[in-house]
């Protein structure tokens, strides 16, 4: 799959993990957006202002975060905003996805996310 290969080529988090990349593509198959990296903390800065400078108003995003060997993330069909009204969103959460294929998709109904 060319989308999976593109994800693997451009991601420092997925680290050639074809199964995880395929799972992300499968989860997102009904979403209409292209896969493009808009922010990488190791290159763009680690602060929230750095994140928002690169990600605000870009439309739907998949966010992947790696902490040690744990990888987790989320999806929102709303653009990120540094301020303004909060919106409900749907997140994909995956704990320790490198070691555990039992990933979960959960809806987060908390209006504190921007």
N, C-alpha and C. Protein backbone atom coordinates (compact mmCIF):
# COMPACT_ATOMS: atom_id res chain seq x y z
N UNK A 1 0.85 -1.18 0.00
CA UNK A 1 0.00 0.00 0.00
C UNK A 1 0.89 1.24 0.00
N UNK A 2 0.73 2.12 -0.98
CA UNK A 2 1.59 3.32 -1.05
C UNK A 2 1.39 4.28 0.11
N UNK A 3 0.19 4.34 0.68
CA UNK A 3 -0.04 5.22 1.83
C UNK A 3 0.74 4.71 3.04
N UNK A 4 0.70 3.42 3.27
CA UNK A 4 1.45 2.81 4.37
C UNK A 4 2.94 3.06 4.19
N UNK A 5 3.44 2.85 2.99
CA UNK A 5 4.87 3.06 2.72
C UNK A 5 5.27 4.52 2.94
N UNK A 6 4.39 5.45 2.56
CA UNK A 6 4.66 6.87 2.79
C UNK A 6 4.72 7.19 4.28
N UNK A 7 3.79 6.62 5.05
CA UNK A 7 3.80 6.83 6.51
C UNK A 7 5.09 6.31 7.11
N UNK A 8 5.51 5.13 6.71
CA UNK A 8 6.73 4.54 7.26
C UNK A 8 7.96 5.35 6.88
N UNK A 9 7.98 5.85 5.67
CA UNK A 9 9.13 6.63 5.20
C UNK A 9 9.28 7.94 5.97
N UNK A 10 8.15 8.57 6.30
CA UNK A 10 8.18 9.90 6.90
C UNK A 10 8.07 9.92 8.42
N UNK A 11 7.76 8.81 9.05
CA UNK A 11 7.55 8.79 10.50
C UNK A 11 8.78 8.31 11.25
N UNK A 12 9.14 9.05 12.29
CA UNK A 12 10.19 8.58 13.20
C UNK A 12 9.57 7.82 14.37
N UNK A 13 8.25 7.85 14.49
CA UNK A 13 7.56 7.15 15.58
C UNK A 13 7.19 5.73 15.19
N UNK A 14 6.72 5.53 13.98
CA UNK A 14 6.30 4.19 13.56
C UNK A 14 7.48 3.26 13.34
N UNK A 15 8.66 3.80 13.06
CA UNK A 15 9.89 3.00 12.97
C UNK A 15 9.74 1.71 12.17
N UNK A 16 9.33 1.82 10.94
CA UNK A 16 9.20 0.65 10.06
C UNK A 16 8.21 -0.39 10.57
N UNK A 17 7.27 0.02 11.41
CA UNK A 17 6.26 -0.91 11.93
C UNK A 17 5.07 -0.93 10.98
N UNK A 18 5.13 -1.82 10.00
CA UNK A 18 4.10 -1.90 8.97
C UNK A 18 2.73 -2.17 9.56
N UNK A 19 2.64 -3.02 10.58
CA UNK A 19 1.34 -3.35 11.18
C UNK A 19 0.68 -2.11 11.78
N UNK A 20 1.43 -1.30 12.51
CA UNK A 20 0.85 -0.09 13.10
C UNK A 20 0.44 0.90 12.02
N UNK A 21 1.25 1.07 10.99
CA UNK A 21 0.92 1.98 9.90
C UNK A 21 -0.34 1.51 9.18
N UNK A 22 -0.44 0.21 8.91
CA UNK A 22 -1.63 -0.33 8.27
C UNK A 22 -2.87 -0.13 9.14
N UNK A 23 -2.71 -0.29 10.46
CA UNK A 23 -3.85 -0.10 11.36
C UNK A 23 -4.33 1.35 11.31
N UNK A 24 -3.40 2.30 11.32
CA UNK A 24 -3.79 3.72 11.21
C UNK A 24 -4.53 3.99 9.92
N UNK A 25 -4.02 3.49 8.81
CA UNK A 25 -4.67 3.69 7.51
C UNK A 25 -6.06 3.06 7.52
N UNK A 26 -6.20 1.88 8.11
CA UNK A 26 -7.50 1.23 8.19
C UNK A 26 -8.49 2.06 9.01
N UNK A 27 -8.05 2.55 10.18
CA UNK A 27 -8.92 3.38 11.02
C UNK A 27 -9.37 4.64 10.28
N UNK A 28 -8.51 5.18 9.45
CA UNK A 28 -8.79 6.46 8.80
C UNK A 28 -9.35 6.31 7.39
N UNK A 29 -9.69 5.10 6.96
CA UNK A 29 -10.07 4.87 5.57
C UNK A 29 -11.29 5.67 5.13
N UNK A 30 -12.19 5.99 6.04
CA UNK A 30 -13.38 6.76 5.67
C UNK A 30 -13.17 8.27 5.77
N UNK A 31 -12.03 8.69 6.24
CA UNK A 31 -11.72 10.11 6.38
C UNK A 31 -11.08 10.60 5.10
N UNK A 32 -11.44 11.78 4.69
CA UNK A 32 -10.93 12.34 3.44
C UNK A 32 -9.86 13.38 3.74
N UNK A 33 -8.63 12.94 3.86
CA UNK A 33 -7.51 13.86 4.05
C UNK A 33 -6.23 13.18 3.61
N UNK A 34 -5.22 13.97 3.34
CA UNK A 34 -3.92 13.43 2.96
C UNK A 34 -3.02 13.30 4.18
N UNK A 35 -2.07 12.40 4.10
CA UNK A 35 -1.13 12.18 5.20
C UNK A 35 0.09 13.05 4.96
N UNK A 36 0.24 14.06 5.79
CA UNK A 36 1.38 14.97 5.67
C UNK A 36 1.80 15.39 7.07
N UNK A 37 3.08 15.35 7.35
CA UNK A 37 3.56 15.77 8.67
C UNK A 37 3.53 17.29 8.75
N UNK A 38 2.80 17.81 9.75
CA UNK A 38 2.76 19.26 9.92
C UNK A 38 3.62 19.69 11.11
N UNK A 39 3.98 18.75 11.98
CA UNK A 39 4.75 19.11 13.18
C UNK A 39 5.56 17.91 13.64
N UNK A 40 6.80 18.16 13.96
CA UNK A 40 7.68 17.15 14.56
C UNK A 40 8.44 17.85 15.67
N UNK A 41 8.19 17.47 16.92
CA UNK A 41 8.77 18.17 18.07
C UNK A 41 10.29 18.24 17.99
N UNK A 42 10.92 17.16 17.54
CA UNK A 42 12.39 17.15 17.49
C UNK A 42 12.94 18.16 16.49
N UNK A 43 12.12 18.62 15.56
CA UNK A 43 12.55 19.62 14.57
C UNK A 43 11.91 20.99 14.80
N UNK A 44 10.65 21.00 15.27
CA UNK A 44 9.88 22.24 15.34
C UNK A 44 9.82 22.86 16.73
N UNK A 45 10.28 22.14 17.75
CA UNK A 45 10.22 22.64 19.12
C UNK A 45 9.25 21.84 19.96
N UNK A 46 9.51 21.81 21.27
CA UNK A 46 8.75 20.95 22.17
C UNK A 46 7.60 21.67 22.89
N UNK A 47 7.47 22.97 22.72
CA UNK A 47 6.45 23.72 23.45
C UNK A 47 5.09 23.70 22.78
N UNK A 48 4.06 24.00 23.57
CA UNK A 48 2.70 24.04 23.01
C UNK A 48 2.58 25.13 21.95
N UNK A 49 3.29 26.25 22.14
CA UNK A 49 3.25 27.32 21.13
C UNK A 49 3.85 26.83 19.81
N UNK A 50 4.90 26.01 19.90
CA UNK A 50 5.51 25.44 18.69
C UNK A 50 4.50 24.54 17.97
N UNK A 51 3.82 23.70 18.74
CA UNK A 51 2.80 22.81 18.17
C UNK A 51 1.71 23.62 17.48
N UNK A 52 1.16 24.61 18.19
CA UNK A 52 0.06 25.39 17.63
C UNK A 52 0.48 26.23 16.44
N UNK A 53 1.71 26.70 16.42
CA UNK A 53 2.20 27.48 15.28
C UNK A 53 2.16 26.63 14.00
N UNK A 54 2.43 25.35 14.14
CA UNK A 54 2.49 24.47 12.97
C UNK A 54 1.16 23.76 12.66
N UNK A 55 0.31 23.57 13.68
CA UNK A 55 -0.87 22.71 13.50
C UNK A 55 -2.21 23.43 13.52
N UNK A 56 -2.26 24.66 14.03
CA UNK A 56 -3.53 25.37 14.06
C UNK A 56 -4.04 25.60 12.64
N UNK A 57 -5.34 25.42 12.48
CA UNK A 57 -6.04 25.72 11.23
C UNK A 57 -5.60 24.88 10.03
N UNK A 58 -5.05 23.69 10.26
CA UNK A 58 -4.66 22.85 9.12
C UNK A 58 -5.72 21.80 8.79
N UNK A 59 -6.81 21.75 9.56
CA UNK A 59 -7.85 20.77 9.30
C UNK A 59 -7.66 19.52 10.13
N UNK A 60 -8.26 18.40 9.71
CA UNK A 60 -8.17 17.15 10.46
C UNK A 60 -6.73 16.71 10.67
N UNK A 61 -6.45 16.17 11.86
CA UNK A 61 -5.10 15.70 12.15
C UNK A 61 -5.12 14.38 12.91
N UNK A 62 -4.10 13.59 12.65
CA UNK A 62 -3.76 12.43 13.46
C UNK A 62 -2.52 12.83 14.22
N UNK A 63 -2.53 12.66 15.52
CA UNK A 63 -1.39 13.01 16.35
C UNK A 63 -0.81 11.74 16.96
N UNK A 64 0.49 11.52 16.77
CA UNK A 64 1.18 10.39 17.38
C UNK A 64 2.24 10.92 18.32
N UNK A 65 2.32 10.32 19.50
CA UNK A 65 3.28 10.73 20.52
C UNK A 65 4.00 9.48 21.01
N UNK A 66 5.31 9.58 21.12
CA UNK A 66 6.09 8.46 21.65
C UNK A 66 6.76 8.91 22.94
N UNK A 67 6.58 8.12 23.98
CA UNK A 67 7.19 8.37 25.28
C UNK A 67 7.80 7.06 25.74
N UNK A 68 9.12 6.97 25.68
CA UNK A 68 9.78 5.69 25.95
C UNK A 68 9.41 4.71 24.86
N UNK A 69 8.87 3.56 25.25
CA UNK A 69 8.41 2.58 24.26
C UNK A 69 6.92 2.68 24.01
N UNK A 70 6.24 3.59 24.70
CA UNK A 70 4.80 3.75 24.52
C UNK A 70 4.50 4.73 23.40
N UNK A 71 3.55 4.35 22.56
CA UNK A 71 3.08 5.22 21.50
C UNK A 71 1.59 5.39 21.69
N UNK A 72 1.12 6.63 21.65
CA UNK A 72 -0.30 6.89 21.76
C UNK A 72 -0.63 8.08 20.89
N UNK A 73 -1.89 8.31 20.69
CA UNK A 73 -2.23 9.42 19.82
C UNK A 73 -3.72 9.61 19.70
N UNK A 74 -4.09 10.43 18.75
CA UNK A 74 -5.48 10.74 18.58
C UNK A 74 -5.79 11.29 17.21
N UNK A 75 -7.06 11.39 16.92
CA UNK A 75 -7.56 11.97 15.68
C UNK A 75 -8.61 13.00 16.03
N UNK A 76 -8.59 14.11 15.34
CA UNK A 76 -9.68 15.07 15.42
C UNK A 76 -10.01 15.55 14.02
N UNK A 77 -11.29 15.67 13.73
CA UNK A 77 -11.70 16.19 12.43
C UNK A 77 -11.81 17.72 12.47
N UNK A 78 -11.52 18.30 13.63
CA UNK A 78 -11.54 19.75 13.79
C UNK A 78 -10.12 20.30 13.74
N UNK A 79 -9.98 21.53 13.27
CA UNK A 79 -8.67 22.18 13.30
C UNK A 79 -8.28 22.51 14.73
N UNK A 80 -6.99 22.40 15.02
CA UNK A 80 -6.48 22.82 16.32
C UNK A 80 -6.55 24.34 16.41
N UNK A 81 -6.77 24.85 17.62
CA UNK A 81 -6.81 26.29 17.89
C UNK A 81 -6.13 26.54 19.22
N UNK A 82 -5.35 27.61 19.29
CA UNK A 82 -4.70 27.96 20.55
C UNK A 82 -5.71 28.60 21.51
N UNK A 83 -6.76 29.18 20.95
CA UNK A 83 -7.81 29.78 21.79
C UNK A 83 -9.12 29.69 21.03
N UNK A 84 -10.19 30.05 21.71
CA UNK A 84 -11.50 29.99 21.09
C UNK A 84 -12.34 28.92 21.76
N UNK A 85 -13.53 28.67 21.21
CA UNK A 85 -14.41 27.69 21.83
C UNK A 85 -13.84 26.28 21.74
N UNK A 86 -14.10 25.50 22.77
CA UNK A 86 -13.69 24.10 22.77
C UNK A 86 -14.70 23.30 21.96
N UNK A 87 -14.26 22.22 21.39
CA UNK A 87 -15.15 21.38 20.59
C UNK A 87 -15.02 19.93 21.05
N UNK A 88 -16.11 19.18 20.86
CA UNK A 88 -16.04 17.74 21.10
C UNK A 88 -15.26 17.13 19.96
N UNK A 89 -14.57 16.07 20.24
CA UNK A 89 -13.77 15.43 19.20
C UNK A 89 -13.67 13.94 19.47
N UNK A 90 -13.30 13.20 18.47
CA UNK A 90 -13.11 11.76 18.62
C UNK A 90 -11.62 11.47 18.59
N UNK A 91 -11.15 10.72 19.55
CA UNK A 91 -9.75 10.37 19.63
C UNK A 91 -9.56 8.87 19.46
N UNK A 92 -8.48 8.51 18.82
CA UNK A 92 -8.02 7.13 18.81
C UNK A 92 -6.95 7.08 19.88
N UNK A 93 -7.02 6.13 20.76
CA UNK A 93 -5.96 6.01 21.75
C UNK A 93 -5.31 4.65 21.61
N UNK A 94 -4.02 4.62 21.70
CA UNK A 94 -3.28 3.36 21.60
C UNK A 94 -2.16 3.40 22.62
N UNK A 95 -2.22 2.57 23.59
CA UNK A 95 -1.18 2.50 24.61
C UNK A 95 -0.23 1.37 24.26
N UNK A 96 1.04 1.67 24.26
CA UNK A 96 2.07 0.66 24.06
C UNK A 96 1.85 -0.12 22.77
N UNK A 97 1.54 0.59 21.67
CA UNK A 97 1.16 -0.11 20.45
C UNK A 97 2.32 -0.86 19.81
N UNK A 98 3.54 -0.57 20.19
CA UNK A 98 4.66 -1.33 19.65
C UNK A 98 4.63 -2.76 20.19
N UNK A 99 4.22 -2.91 21.45
CA UNK A 99 4.25 -4.22 22.09
C UNK A 99 2.88 -4.89 22.18
N UNK A 100 1.82 -4.17 21.90
CA UNK A 100 0.48 -4.69 22.15
C UNK A 100 -0.42 -4.35 20.97
N UNK A 101 -0.92 -5.34 20.29
CA UNK A 101 -1.77 -5.13 19.13
C UNK A 101 -3.24 -4.92 19.51
N UNK A 102 -3.58 -5.02 20.78
CA UNK A 102 -4.95 -4.81 21.21
C UNK A 102 -5.19 -3.32 21.42
N UNK A 103 -5.25 -2.59 20.31
CA UNK A 103 -5.40 -1.15 20.37
C UNK A 103 -6.87 -0.80 20.55
N UNK A 104 -7.13 0.35 21.10
CA UNK A 104 -8.50 0.75 21.39
C UNK A 104 -8.85 2.03 20.67
N UNK A 105 -10.09 2.12 20.23
CA UNK A 105 -10.62 3.37 19.72
C UNK A 105 -11.66 3.82 20.75
N UNK A 106 -11.49 5.01 21.26
CA UNK A 106 -12.39 5.50 22.29
C UNK A 106 -12.86 6.89 21.94
N UNK A 107 -14.10 7.17 22.28
CA UNK A 107 -14.62 8.52 22.13
C UNK A 107 -14.40 9.25 23.44
N UNK A 108 -13.84 10.43 23.35
CA UNK A 108 -13.60 11.26 24.52
C UNK A 108 -14.63 12.39 24.49
N UNK A 109 -15.57 12.37 25.40
CA UNK A 109 -16.59 13.41 25.46
C UNK A 109 -16.25 14.41 26.55
N UNK A 110 -15.21 15.17 26.34
CA UNK A 110 -14.76 16.14 27.32
C UNK A 110 -14.53 17.45 26.58
N UNK A 111 -15.22 18.47 26.93
CA UNK A 111 -15.14 19.73 26.20
C UNK A 111 -13.99 20.61 26.63
N UNK A 112 -12.93 20.02 27.17
CA UNK A 112 -11.79 20.83 27.56
C UNK A 112 -10.67 20.78 26.54
N UNK A 113 -10.84 20.06 25.44
CA UNK A 113 -9.80 19.97 24.42
C UNK A 113 -9.99 21.05 23.37
N UNK A 114 -8.88 21.59 22.87
CA UNK A 114 -8.94 22.60 21.82
C UNK A 114 -8.24 22.10 20.59
